[in-house]
Amino acid sequence: MTSSGSPCEQIVPKLIAVLEYTQVSGSNLTPQTTQALLQATNDYKNVLLQARKYAATLPGGELNAEDQEELIAMLERLRDHKKSQLAEFSERVSNMLSSAESERVEIDSTASTPS
């Protein structure tokens, strides 16, 4: 039985298979049902191991909750700093443009004034 998707997506179907074999076999355990239950249980254990490995390889998975909070706080400070830099830059550009516009108007009025 092959399943597609990440190991995390396979956990519930594998668990359901184990539960179904458990309920179907009940007290009537034949060698075939015992073997099927054993195989379903092993499949479930394997997919749990795969899911753990998958989760451990996710970016940031090595950080505990405290480290994650510190990283988030640092990133928020960086974001706020970048926002203030952008606002300052925007203000400078705006001032430069208005200054350049004033100079252009002054030059235009001087050029159009008869001597």
PDB file of N, CA and C in Angstrom:
ATOM      1  N   MET A   1       0.836  -1.170   0.000  1.00  0.00           N
ATOM      2  CA  MET A   1       0.000   0.000   0.000  1.00  0.00           C
ATOM      3  C   MET A   1       0.881   1.233   0.000  1.00  0.00           C
ATOM      4  N   THR A   2       0.801   2.037  -1.057  1.00  0.00           N
ATOM      5  CA  THR A   2       1.599   3.243  -1.140  1.00  0.00           C
ATOM      6  C   THR A   2       0.698   4.449  -0.998  1.00  0.00           C
ATOM      7  N   SER A   3       1.169   5.429  -0.255  1.00  0.00           N
ATOM      8  CA  SER A   3       0.415   6.653  -0.045  1.00  0.00           C
ATOM      9  C   SER A   3       1.248   7.814  -0.525  1.00  0.00           C
ATOM     10  N   SER A   4       0.577   8.844  -1.000  1.00  0.00           N
ATOM     11  CA  SER A   4       1.299  10.033  -1.410  1.00  0.00           C
ATOM     12  C   SER A   4       1.127  11.100  -0.347  1.00  0.00           C
ATOM     13  N   GLY A   5       1.897  12.162  -0.463  1.00  0.00           N
ATOM     14  CA  GLY A   5       1.815  13.243   0.498  1.00  0.00           C
ATOM     15  C   GLY A   5       2.918  13.136   1.523  1.00  0.00           C
ATOM     16  N   SER A   6       2.981  14.169   2.348  1.00  0.00           N
ATOM     17  CA  SER A   6       4.014  14.198   3.382  1.00  0.00           C
ATOM     18  C   SER A   6       3.703  13.158   4.454  1.00  0.00           C
ATOM     19  N   PRO A   7       4.716  12.792   5.219  1.00  0.00           N
ATOM     20  CA  PRO A   7       4.477  11.821   6.299  1.00  0.00           C
ATOM     21  C   PRO A   7       3.390  12.291   7.265  1.00  0.00           C
ATOM     22  N   CYS A   8       3.327  13.593   7.490  1.00  0.00           N
ATOM     23  CA  CYS A   8       2.313  14.126   8.413  1.00  0.00           C
ATOM     24  C   CYS A   8       0.902  13.873   7.896  1.00  0.00           C
ATOM     25  N   GLU A   9       0.733  13.922   6.583  1.00  0.00           N
ATOM     26  CA  GLU A   9      -0.575  13.678   5.985  1.00  0.00           C
ATOM     27  C   GLU A   9      -0.957  12.196   6.032  1.00  0.00           C
ATOM     28  N   GLN A  10       0.014  11.332   6.234  1.00  0.00           N
ATOM     29  CA  GLN A  10      -0.235   9.896   6.236  1.00  0.00           C
ATOM     30  C   GLN A  10      -0.527   9.334   7.626  1.00  0.00           C
ATOM     31  N   ILE A  11      -0.314  10.117   8.668  1.00  0.00           N
ATOM     32  CA  ILE A  11      -0.469   9.607  10.033  1.00  0.00           C
ATOM     33  C   ILE A  11      -1.893   9.130  10.299  1.00  0.00           C
ATOM     34  N   VAL A  12      -2.867   9.979  10.028  1.00  0.00           N
ATOM     35  CA  VAL A  12      -4.263   9.632  10.342  1.00  0.00           C
ATOM     36  C   VAL A  12      -4.728   8.415   9.542  1.00  0.00           C
ATOM     37  N   PRO A  13      -4.493   8.350   8.226  1.00  0.00           N
ATOM     38  CA  PRO A  13      -4.919   7.145   7.496  1.00  0.00           C
ATOM     39  C   PRO A  13      -4.279   5.856   8.027  1.00  0.00           C
ATOM     40  N   LYS A  14      -2.996   5.930   8.428  1.00  0.00           N
ATOM     41  CA  LYS A  14      -2.333   4.741   8.971  1.00  0.00           C
ATOM     42  C   LYS A  14      -2.942   4.349  10.317  1.00  0.00           C
ATOM     43  N   LEU A  15      -3.263   5.331  11.137  1.00  0.00           N
ATOM     44  CA  LEU A  15      -3.890   5.053  12.426  1.00  0.00           C
ATOM     45  C   LEU A  15      -5.285   4.450  12.219  1.00  0.00           C
ATOM     46  N   ILE A  16      -6.017   4.974  11.262  1.00  0.00           N
ATOM     47  CA  ILE A  16      -7.345   4.432  10.956  1.00  0.00           C
ATOM     48  C   ILE A  16      -7.242   2.974  10.522  1.00  0.00           C
ATOM     49  N   ALA A  17      -6.231   2.667   9.723  1.00  0.00           N
ATOM     50  CA  ALA A  17      -6.034   1.282   9.281  1.00  0.00           C
ATOM     51  C   ALA A  17      -5.797   0.364  10.472  1.00  0.00           C
ATOM     52  N   VAL A  18      -4.978   0.808  11.422  1.00  0.00           N
ATOM     53  CA  VAL A  18      -4.720   0.001  12.627  1.00  0.00           C
ATOM     54  C   VAL A  18      -6.022  -0.208  13.392  1.00  0.00           C
ATOM     55  N   LEU A  19      -6.775   0.871  13.583  1.00  0.00           N
ATOM     56  CA  LEU A  19      -8.038   0.767  14.325  1.00  0.00           C
ATOM     57  C   LEU A  19      -9.044  -0.141  13.621  1.00  0.00           C
ATOM     58  N   GLU A  20      -9.089  -0.062  12.307  1.00  0.00           N
ATOM     59  CA  GLU A  20     -10.008  -0.930  11.556  1.00  0.00           C
ATOM     60  C   GLU A  20      -9.639  -2.395  11.734  1.00  0.00           C
ATOM     61  N   TYR A  21      -8.352  -2.721  11.625  1.00  0.00           N
ATOM     62  CA  TYR A  21      -7.935  -4.117  11.820  1.00  0.00           C
ATOM     63  C   TYR A  21      -8.233  -4.576  13.236  1.00  0.00           C
ATOM     64  N   THR A  22      -8.066  -3.672  14.192  1.00  0.00           N
ATOM     65  CA  THR A  22      -8.349  -4.024  15.583  1.00  0.00           C
ATOM     66  C   THR A  22      -9.832  -4.317  15.772  1.00  0.00           C
ATOM     67  N   GLN A  23     -10.692  -3.489  15.197  1.00  0.00           N
ATOM     68  CA  GLN A  23     -12.133  -3.659  15.364  1.00  0.00           C
ATOM     69  C   GLN A  23     -12.656  -4.852  14.579  1.00  0.00           C
ATOM     70  N   VAL A  24     -12.135  -5.071  13.380  1.00  0.00           N
ATOM     71  CA  VAL A  24     -12.594  -6.184  12.548  1.00  0.00           C
ATOM     72  C   VAL A  24     -12.201  -7.509  13.173  1.00  0.00           C
ATOM     73  N   SER A  25     -10.968  -7.584  13.630  1.00  0.00           N
ATOM     74  CA  SER A  25     -10.500  -8.855  14.168  1.00  0.00           C
ATOM     75  C   SER A  25     -11.142  -9.162  15.519  1.00  0.00           C
ATOM     76  N   GLY A  26     -11.317  -8.128  16.333  1.00  0.00           N
ATOM     77  CA  GLY A  26     -11.932  -8.334  17.645  1.00  0.00           C
ATOM     78  C   GLY A  26     -11.274  -9.471  18.396  1.00  0.00           C
ATOM     79  N   SER A  27     -12.076 -10.428  18.827  1.00  0.00           N
ATOM     80  CA  SER A  27     -11.527 -11.578  19.539  1.00  0.00           C
ATOM     81  C   SER A  27     -11.232 -12.734  18.589  1.00  0.00           C
ATOM     82  N   ASN A  28     -11.539 -12.562  17.313  1.00  0.00           N
ATOM     83  CA  ASN A  28     -11.347 -13.591  16.295  1.00  0.00           C
ATOM     84  C   ASN A  28     -10.012 -13.353  15.581  1.00  0.00           C
ATOM     85  N   LEU A  29      -8.918 -13.583  16.277  1.00  0.00           N
ATOM     86  CA  LEU A  29      -7.599 -13.353  15.696  1.00  0.00           C
ATOM     87  C   LEU A  29      -7.111 -14.612  14.994  1.00  0.00           C
ATOM     88  N   THR A  30      -7.061 -14.524  13.684  1.00  0.00           N
ATOM     89  CA  THR A  30      -6.482 -15.601  12.886  1.00  0.00           C
ATOM     90  C   THR A  30      -5.053 -15.201  12.556  1.00  0.00           C
ATOM     91  N   PRO A  31      -4.262 -16.115  12.078  1.00  0.00           N
ATOM     92  CA  PRO A  31      -2.899 -15.739  11.687  1.00  0.00           C
ATOM     93  C   PRO A  31      -2.897 -14.629  10.621  1.00  0.00           C
ATOM     94  N   GLN A  32      -3.892 -14.648   9.722  1.00  0.00           N
ATOM     95  CA  GLN A  32      -3.941 -13.622   8.678  1.00  0.00           C
ATOM     96  C   GLN A  32      -4.273 -12.246   9.266  1.00  0.00           C
ATOM     97  N   THR A  33      -5.277 -12.194  10.177  1.00  0.00           N
ATOM     98  CA  THR A  33      -5.628 -10.898  10.761  1.00  0.00           C
ATOM     99  C   THR A  33      -4.525 -10.390  11.682  1.00  0.00           C
ATOM    100  N   THR A  34      -3.869 -11.306  12.358  1.00  0.00           N
ATOM    101  CA  THR A  34      -2.744 -10.913  13.209  1.00  0.00           C
ATOM    102  C   THR A  34      -1.629 -10.321  12.359  1.00  0.00           C
ATOM    103  N   GLN A  35      -1.339 -10.973  11.220  1.00  0.00           N
ATOM    104  CA  GLN A  35      -0.297 -10.473  10.317  1.00  0.00           C
ATOM    105  C   GLN A  35      -0.690  -9.111   9.733  1.00  0.00           C
ATOM    106  N   ALA A  36      -1.950  -8.954   9.343  1.00  0.00           N
ATOM    107  CA  ALA A  36      -2.414  -7.679   8.786  1.00  0.00           C
ATOM    108  C   ALA A  36      -2.352  -6.572   9.842  1.00  0.00           C
ATOM    109  N   LEU A  37      -2.734  -6.894  11.077  1.00  0.00           N
ATOM    110  CA  LEU A  37      -2.667  -5.921  12.159  1.00  0.00           C
ATOM    111  C   LEU A  37      -1.217  -5.540  12.452  1.00  0.00           C
ATOM    112  N   LEU A  38      -0.339  -6.522  12.460  1.00  0.00           N
ATOM    113  CA  LEU A  38       1.078  -6.261  12.677  1.00  0.00           C
ATOM    114  C   LEU A  38       1.637  -5.355  11.577  1.00  0.00           C
ATOM    115  N   GLN A  39       1.266  -5.640  10.330  1.00  0.00           N
ATOM    116  CA  GLN A  39       1.753  -4.823   9.209  1.00  0.00           C
ATOM    117  C   GLN A  39       1.210  -3.396   9.318  1.00  0.00           C
ATOM    118  N   ALA A  40      -0.073  -3.251   9.647  1.00  0.00           N
ATOM    119  CA  ALA A  40      -0.660  -1.919   9.785  1.00  0.00           C
ATOM    120  C   ALA A  40      -0.002  -1.152  10.933  1.00  0.00           C
ATOM    121  N   THR A  41       0.297  -1.842  12.030  1.00  0.00           N
ATOM    122  CA  THR A  41       0.951  -1.211  13.171  1.00  0.00           C
ATOM    123  C   THR A  41       2.369  -0.765  12.806  1.00  0.00           C
ATOM    124  N   ASN A  42       3.084  -1.614  12.090  1.00  0.00           N
ATOM    125  CA  ASN A  42       4.437  -1.258  11.651  1.00  0.00           C
ATOM    126  C   ASN A  42       4.414  -0.079  10.680  1.00  0.00           C
ATOM    127  N   ASP A  43       3.433  -0.061   9.773  1.00  0.00           N
ATOM    128  CA  ASP A  43       3.291   1.065   8.840  1.00  0.00           C
ATOM    129  C   ASP A  43       3.055   2.362   9.610  1.00  0.00           C
ATOM    130  N   TYR A  44       2.210   2.272  10.646  1.00  0.00           N
ATOM    131  CA  TYR A  44       1.912   3.443  11.470  1.00  0.00           C
ATOM    132  C   TYR A  44       3.172   3.925  12.197  1.00  0.00           C
ATOM    133  N   LYS A  45       3.925   3.001  12.776  1.00  0.00           N
ATOM    134  CA  LYS A  45       5.160   3.378  13.469  1.00  0.00           C
ATOM    135  C   LYS A  45       6.145   4.029  12.501  1.00  0.00           C
ATOM    136  N   ASN A  46       6.265   3.455  11.296  1.00  0.00           N
ATOM    137  CA  ASN A  46       7.197   3.999  10.308  1.00  0.00           C
ATOM    138  C   ASN A  46       6.814   5.408   9.878  1.00  0.00           C
ATOM    139  N   VAL A  47       5.514   5.622   9.659  1.00  0.00           N
ATOM    140  CA  VAL A  47       5.099   6.953   9.227  1.00  0.00           C
ATOM    141  C   VAL A  47       5.282   7.968  10.363  1.00  0.00           C
ATOM    142  N   LEU A  48       5.133   7.544  11.617  1.00  0.00           N
ATOM    143  CA  LEU A  48       5.417   8.444  12.741  1.00  0.00           C
ATOM    144  C   LEU A  48       6.891   8.827  12.777  1.00  0.00           C
ATOM    145  N   LEU A  49       7.766   7.846  12.551  1.00  0.00           N
ATOM    146  CA  LEU A  49       9.203   8.135  12.514  1.00  0.00           C
ATOM    147  C   LEU A  49       9.542   9.086  11.374  1.00  0.00           C
ATOM    148  N   GLN A  50       8.948   8.843  10.208  1.00  0.00           N
ATOM    149  CA  GLN A  50       9.178   9.723   9.058  1.00  0.00           C
ATOM    150  C   GLN A  50       8.684  11.143   9.356  1.00  0.00           C
ATOM    151  N   ALA A  51       7.529  11.252  10.007  1.00  0.00           N
ATOM    152  CA  ALA A  51       6.979  12.567  10.337  1.00  0.00           C
ATOM    153  C   ALA A  51       7.893  13.302  11.319  1.00  0.00           C
ATOM    154  N   ARG A  52       8.450  12.577  12.280  1.00  0.00           N
ATOM    155  CA  ARG A  52       9.382  13.206  13.227  1.00  0.00           C
ATOM    156  C   ARG A  52      10.626  13.716  12.505  1.00  0.00           C
ATOM    157  N   LYS A  53      11.164  12.891  11.607  1.00  0.00           N
ATOM    158  CA  LYS A  53      12.340  13.310  10.842  1.00  0.00           C
ATOM    159  C   LYS A  53      12.006  14.504   9.964  1.00  0.00           C
ATOM    160  N   TYR A  54      10.843  14.464   9.339  1.00  0.00           N
ATOM    161  CA  TYR A  54      10.395  15.557   8.479  1.00  0.00           C
ATOM    162  C   TYR A  54      10.277  16.849   9.293  1.00  0.00           C
ATOM    163  N   ALA A  55       9.670  16.766  10.464  1.00  0.00           N
ATOM    164  CA  ALA A  55       9.494  17.948  11.321  1.00  0.00           C
ATOM    165  C   ALA A  55      10.839  18.482  11.800  1.00  0.00           C
ATOM    166  N   ALA A  56      11.774  17.591  12.061  1.00  0.00           N
ATOM    167  CA  ALA A  56      13.087  18.017  12.548  1.00  0.00           C
ATOM    168  C   ALA A  56      13.883  18.742  11.471  1.00  0.00           C
ATOM    169  N   THR A  57      13.596  18.477  10.201  1.00  0.00           N
ATOM    170  CA  THR A  57      14.344  19.114   9.115  1.00  0.00           C
ATOM    171  C   THR A  57      13.708  20.414   8.638  1.00  0.00           C
ATOM    172  N   LEU A  58      12.553  20.774   9.173  1.00  0.00           N
ATOM    173  CA  LEU A  58      11.916  22.029   8.776  1.00  0.00           C
ATOM    174  C   LEU A  58      12.751  23.200   9.280  1.00  0.00           C
ATOM    175  N   PRO A  59      12.825  24.270   8.482  1.00  0.00           N
ATOM    176  CA  PRO A  59      13.581  25.442   8.932  1.00  0.00           C
ATOM    177  C   PRO A  59      13.016  25.974  10.246  1.00  0.00           C
ATOM    178  N   GLY A  60      13.905  26.277  11.184  1.00  0.00           N
ATOM    179  CA  GLY A  60      13.480  26.795  12.481  1.00  0.00           C
ATOM    180  C   GLY A  60      13.104  25.711  13.461  1.00  0.00           C
ATOM    181  N   GLY A  61      13.106  24.483  13.024  1.00  0.00           N
ATOM    182  CA  GLY A  61      12.722  23.381  13.899  1.00  0.00           C
ATOM    183  C   GLY A  61      13.694  23.149  15.043  1.00  0.00           C
ATOM    184  N   GLU A  62      14.903  23.658  14.884  1.00  0.00           N
ATOM    185  CA  GLU A  62      15.901  23.456  15.938  1.00  0.00           C
ATOM    186  C   GLU A  62      15.750  24.477  17.069  1.00  0.00           C
ATOM    187  N   LEU A  63      14.881  25.469  16.883  1.00  0.00           N
ATOM    188  CA  LEU A  63      14.697  26.496  17.901  1.00  0.00           C
ATOM    189  C   LEU A  63      13.613  26.098  18.892  1.00  0.00           C
ATOM    190  N   ASN A  64      13.896  26.312  20.170  1.00  0.00           N
ATOM    191  CA  ASN A  64      12.852  26.088  21.166  1.00  0.00           C
ATOM    192  C   ASN A  64      11.968  27.335  21.223  1.00  0.00           C
ATOM    193  N   ALA A  65      10.919  27.308  22.020  1.00  0.00           N
ATOM    194  CA  ALA A  65       9.958  28.411  22.063  1.00  0.00           C
ATOM    195  C   ALA A  65      10.618  29.725  22.468  1.00  0.00           C
ATOM    196  N   GLU A  66      11.518  29.671  23.448  1.00  0.00           N
ATOM    197  CA  GLU A  66      12.190  30.897  23.903  1.00  0.00           C
ATOM    198  C   GLU A  66      13.053  31.491  22.793  1.00  0.00           C
ATOM    199  N   ASP A  67      13.797  30.629  22.091  1.00  0.00           N
ATOM    200  CA  ASP A  67      14.633  31.097  20.977  1.00  0.00           C
ATOM    201  C   ASP A  67      13.769  31.695  19.865  1.00  0.00           C
ATOM    202  N   GLN A  68      12.632  31.067  19.595  1.00  0.00           N
ATOM    203  CA  GLN A  68      11.731  31.583  18.569  1.00  0.00           C
ATOM    204  C   GLN A  68      11.205  32.961  18.954  1.00  0.00           C
ATOM    205  N   GLU A  69      10.846  33.139  20.236  1.00  0.00           N
ATOM    206  CA  GLU A  69      10.357  34.437  20.701  1.00  0.00           C
ATOM    207  C   GLU A  69      11.441  35.510  20.554  1.00  0.00           C
ATOM    208  N   GLU A  70      12.674  35.165  20.904  1.00  0.00           N
ATOM    209  CA  GLU A  70      13.780  36.106  20.760  1.00  0.00           C
ATOM    210  C   GLU A  70      13.995  36.473  19.292  1.00  0.00           C
ATOM    211  N   LEU A  71      13.936  35.487  18.419  1.00  0.00           N
ATOM    212  CA  LEU A  71      14.112  35.734  16.990  1.00  0.00           C
ATOM    213  C   LEU A  71      12.991  36.625  16.463  1.00  0.00           C
ATOM    214  N   ILE A  72      11.770  36.358  16.867  1.00  0.00           N
ATOM    215  CA  ILE A  72      10.633  37.168  16.430  1.00  0.00           C
ATOM    216  C   ILE A  72      10.800  38.610  16.910  1.00  0.00           C
ATOM    217  N   ALA A  73      11.193  38.786  18.169  1.00  0.00           N
ATOM    218  CA  ALA A  73      11.397  40.139  18.704  1.00  0.00           C
ATOM    219  C   ALA A  73      12.495  40.868  17.936  1.00  0.00           C
ATOM    220  N   MET A  74      13.589  40.160  17.638  1.00  0.00           N
ATOM    221  CA  MET A  74      14.683  40.768  16.885  1.00  0.00           C
ATOM    222  C   MET A  74      14.207  41.173  15.486  1.00  0.00           C
ATOM    223  N   LEU A  75      13.442  40.307  14.832  1.00  0.00           N
ATOM    224  CA  LEU A  75      12.940  40.618  13.492  1.00  0.00           C
ATOM    225  C   LEU A  75      11.955  41.792  13.527  1.00  0.00           C
ATOM    226  N   GLU A  76      11.156  41.879  14.585  1.00  0.00           N
ATOM    227  CA  GLU A  76      10.234  43.015  14.718  1.00  0.00           C
ATOM    228  C   GLU A  76      11.012  44.319  14.904  1.00  0.00           C
ATOM    229  N   ARG A  77      12.083  44.292  15.709  1.00  0.00           N
ATOM    230  CA  ARG A  77      12.913  45.489  15.883  1.00  0.00           C
ATOM    231  C   ARG A  77      13.558  45.883  14.558  1.00  0.00           C
ATOM    232  N   LEU A  78      14.037  44.902  13.817  1.00  0.00           N
ATOM    233  CA  LEU A  78      14.642  45.166  12.517  1.00  0.00           C
ATOM    234  C   LEU A  78      13.613  45.778  11.565  1.00  0.00           C
ATOM    235  N   ARG A  79      12.403  45.223  11.557  1.00  0.00           N
ATOM    236  CA  ARG A  79      11.332  45.756  10.715  1.00  0.00           C
ATOM    237  C   ARG A  79      11.030  47.203  11.079  1.00  0.00           C
ATOM    238  N   ASP A  80      10.915  47.487  12.380  1.00  0.00           N
ATOM    239  CA  ASP A  80      10.616  48.846  12.828  1.00  0.00           C
ATOM    240  C   ASP A  80      11.740  49.803  12.436  1.00  0.00           C
ATOM    241  N   HIS A  81      12.982  49.349  12.557  1.00  0.00           N
ATOM    242  CA  HIS A  81      14.125  50.177  12.179  1.00  0.00           C
ATOM    243  C   HIS A  81      14.090  50.472  10.678  1.00  0.00           C
ATOM    244  N   LYS A  82      13.802  49.465   9.881  1.00  0.00           N
ATOM    245  CA  LYS A  82      13.732  49.652   8.428  1.00  0.00           C
ATOM    246  C   LYS A  82      12.591  50.604   8.064  1.00  0.00           C
ATOM    247  N   LYS A  83      11.470  50.493   8.771  1.00  0.00           N
ATOM    248  CA  LYS A  83      10.346  51.410   8.525  1.00  0.00           C
ATOM    249  C   LYS A  83      10.750  52.849   8.815  1.00  0.00           C
ATOM    250  N   SER A  84      11.456  53.055   9.928  1.00  0.00           N
ATOM    251  CA  SER A  84      11.868  54.423  10.270  1.00  0.00           C
ATOM    252  C   SER A  84      12.897  54.939   9.266  1.00  0.00           C
ATOM    253  N   GLN A  85      13.794  54.074   8.803  1.00  0.00           N
ATOM    254  CA  GLN A  85      14.755  54.484   7.773  1.00  0.00           C
ATOM    255  C   GLN A  85      14.029  54.872   6.493  1.00  0.00           C
ATOM    256  N   LEU A  86      13.027  54.082   6.127  1.00  0.00           N
ATOM    257  CA  LEU A  86      12.268  54.369   4.911  1.00  0.00           C
ATOM    258  C   LEU A  86      11.508  55.689   5.049  1.00  0.00           C
ATOM    259  N   ALA A  87      10.917  55.933   6.213  1.00  0.00           N
ATOM    260  CA  ALA A  87      10.199  57.187   6.441  1.00  0.00           C
ATOM    261  C   ALA A  87      11.160  58.375   6.367  1.00  0.00           C
ATOM    262  N   GLU A  88      12.344  58.219   6.972  1.00  0.00           N
ATOM    263  CA  GLU A  88      13.350  59.282   6.933  1.00  0.00           C
ATOM    264  C   GLU A  88      13.809  59.538   5.506  1.00  0.00           C
ATOM    265  N   PHE A  89      14.055  58.477   4.757  1.00  0.00           N
ATOM    266  CA  PHE A  89      14.474  58.617   3.364  1.00  0.00           C
ATOM    267  C   PHE A  89      13.379  59.301   2.542  1.00  0.00           C
ATOM    268  N   SER A  90      12.142  58.878   2.767  1.00  0.00           N
ATOM    269  CA  SER A  90      11.018  59.464   2.046  1.00  0.00           C
ATOM    270  C   SER A  90      10.901  60.960   2.336  1.00  0.00           C
ATOM    271  N   GLU A  91      11.105  61.336   3.591  1.00  0.00           N
ATOM    272  CA  GLU A  91      11.038  62.748   3.968  1.00  0.00           C
ATOM    273  C   GLU A  91      12.158  63.537   3.300  1.00  0.00           C
ATOM    274  N   ARG A  92      13.368  62.965   3.275  1.00  0.00           N
ATOM    275  CA  ARG A  92      14.496  63.650   2.624  1.00  0.00           C
ATOM    276  C   ARG A  92      14.230  63.863   1.135  1.00  0.00           C
ATOM    277  N   VAL A  93      13.729  62.816   0.483  1.00  0.00           N
ATOM    278  CA  VAL A  93      13.434  62.922  -0.947  1.00  0.00           C
ATOM    279  C   VAL A  93      12.356  63.973  -1.177  1.00  0.00           C
ATOM    280  N   SER A  94      11.346  63.956  -0.346  1.00  0.00           N
ATOM    281  CA  SER A  94      10.265  64.932  -0.465  1.00  0.00           C
ATOM    282  C   SER A  94      10.803  66.349  -0.290  1.00  0.00           C
ATOM    283  N   ASN A  95      11.655  66.557   0.702  1.00  0.00           N
ATOM    284  CA  ASN A  95      12.261  67.878   0.929  1.00  0.00           C
ATOM    285  C   ASN A  95      13.137  68.289  -0.245  1.00  0.00           C
ATOM    286  N   MET A  96      13.904  67.350  -0.781  1.00  0.00           N
ATOM    287  CA  MET A  96      14.759  67.653  -1.930  1.00  0.00           C
ATOM    288  C   MET A  96      13.918  68.032  -3.138  1.00  0.00           C
ATOM    289  N   LEU A  97      12.834  67.313  -3.372  1.00  0.00           N
ATOM    290  CA  LEU A  97      11.973  67.607  -4.514  1.00  0.00           C
ATOM    291  C   LEU A  97      11.299  68.967  -4.361  1.00  0.00           C
ATOM    292  N   SER A  98      10.822  69.252  -3.164  1.00  0.00           N
ATOM    293  CA  SER A  98      10.163  70.549  -2.970  1.00  0.00           C
ATOM    294  C   SER A  98      11.179  71.679  -3.070  1.00  0.00           C
ATOM    295  N   SER A  99      12.406  71.459  -2.584  1.00  0.00           N
ATOM    296  CA  SER A  99      13.468  72.460  -2.691  1.00  0.00           C
ATOM    297  C   SER A  99      13.831  72.678  -4.156  1.00  0.00           C
ATOM    298  N   ALA A 100      13.953  71.600  -4.906  1.00  0.00           N
ATOM    299  CA  ALA A 100      14.283  71.702  -6.331  1.00  0.00           C
ATOM    300  C   ALA A 100      13.155  72.406  -7.080  1.00  0.00           C
ATOM    301  N   GLU A 101      11.927  72.120  -6.713  1.00  0.00           N
ATOM    302  CA  GLU A 101      10.776  72.765  -7.340  1.00  0.00           C
ATOM    303  C   GLU A 101      10.784  74.263  -7.049  1.00  0.00           C
ATOM    304  N   SER A 102      11.112  74.655  -5.823  1.00  0.00           N
ATOM    305  CA  SER A 102      11.182  76.073  -5.445  1.00  0.00           C
ATOM    306  C   SER A 102      12.263  76.785  -6.242  1.00  0.00           C
ATOM    307  N   GLU A 103      13.409  76.139  -6.384  1.00  0.00           N
ATOM    308  CA  GLU A 103      14.501  76.739  -7.150  1.00  0.00           C
ATOM    309  C   GLU A 103      14.121  76.885  -8.608  1.00  0.00           C
ATOM    310  N   ARG A 104      13.422  75.885  -9.169  1.00  0.00           N
ATOM    311  CA  ARG A 104      13.009  75.946 -10.570  1.00  0.00           C
ATOM    312  C   ARG A 104      12.031  77.086 -10.788  1.00  0.00           C
ATOM    313  N   VAL A 105      11.075  77.256  -9.859  1.00  0.00           N
ATOM    314  CA  VAL A 105      10.106  78.338  -9.964  1.00  0.00           C
ATOM    315  C   VAL A 105      10.814  79.669  -9.853  1.00  0.00           C
ATOM    316  N   GLU A 106      11.805  79.770  -8.962  1.00  0.00           N
ATOM    317  CA  GLU A 106      12.556  80.998  -8.782  1.00  0.00           C
ATOM    318  C   GLU A 106      13.342  81.328 -10.045  1.00  0.00           C
ATOM    319  N   ILE A 107      13.969  80.321 -10.646  1.00  0.00           N
ATOM    320  CA  ILE A 107      14.742  80.537 -11.883  1.00  0.00           C
ATOM    321  C   ILE A 107      13.803  80.945 -13.009  1.00  0.00           C
ATOM    322  N   ASP A 108      12.634  80.276 -13.110  1.00  0.00           N
ATOM    323  CA  ASP A 108      11.664  80.615 -14.152  1.00  0.00           C
ATOM    324  C   ASP A 108      11.182  82.053 -14.001  1.00  0.00           C
ATOM    325  N   SER A 109      10.905  82.491 -12.789  1.00  0.00           N
ATOM    326  CA  SER A 109      10.407  83.854 -12.585  1.00  0.00           C
ATOM    327  C   SER A 109      11.513  84.874 -12.866  1.00  0.00           C
ATOM    328  N   THR A 110      12.756  84.546 -12.555  1.00  0.00           N
ATOM    329  CA  THR A 110      13.855  85.440 -12.838  1.00  0.00           C
ATOM    330  C   THR A 110      14.090  85.519 -14.335  1.00  0.00           C
ATOM    331  N   ALA A 111      13.990  84.434 -15.032  1.00  0.00           N
ATOM    332  CA  ALA A 111      14.211  84.402 -16.471  1.00  0.00           C
ATOM    333  C   ALA A 111      13.117  85.157 -17.211  1.00  0.00           C
ATOM    334  N   SER A 112      11.914  85.160 -16.684  1.00  0.00           N
ATOM    335  CA  SER A 112      10.816  85.817 -17.388  1.00  0.00           C
ATOM    336  C   SER A 112      10.663  87.304 -16.996  1.00  0.00           C
ATOM    337  N   THR A 113      11.464  87.767 -16.053  1.00  0.00           N
ATOM    338  CA  THR A 113      11.394  89.171 -15.637  1.00  0.00           C
ATOM    339  C   THR A 113      12.249  90.006 -16.585  1.00  0.00           C
ATOM    340  N   PRO A 114      11.651  91.055 -17.173  1.00  0.00           N
ATOM    341  CA  PRO A 114      12.453  91.906 -18.080  1.00  0.00           C
ATOM    342  C   PRO A 114      13.517  92.693 -17.299  1.00  0.00           C
ATOM    343  N   SER A 115      14.639  92.897 -17.912  1.00  0.00           N
ATOM    344  CA  SER A 115      15.709  93.610 -17.234  1.00  0.00           C
ATOM    345  C   SER A 115      15.703  95.081 -17.543  1.00  0.00           C
TER     346      SER A 115
END
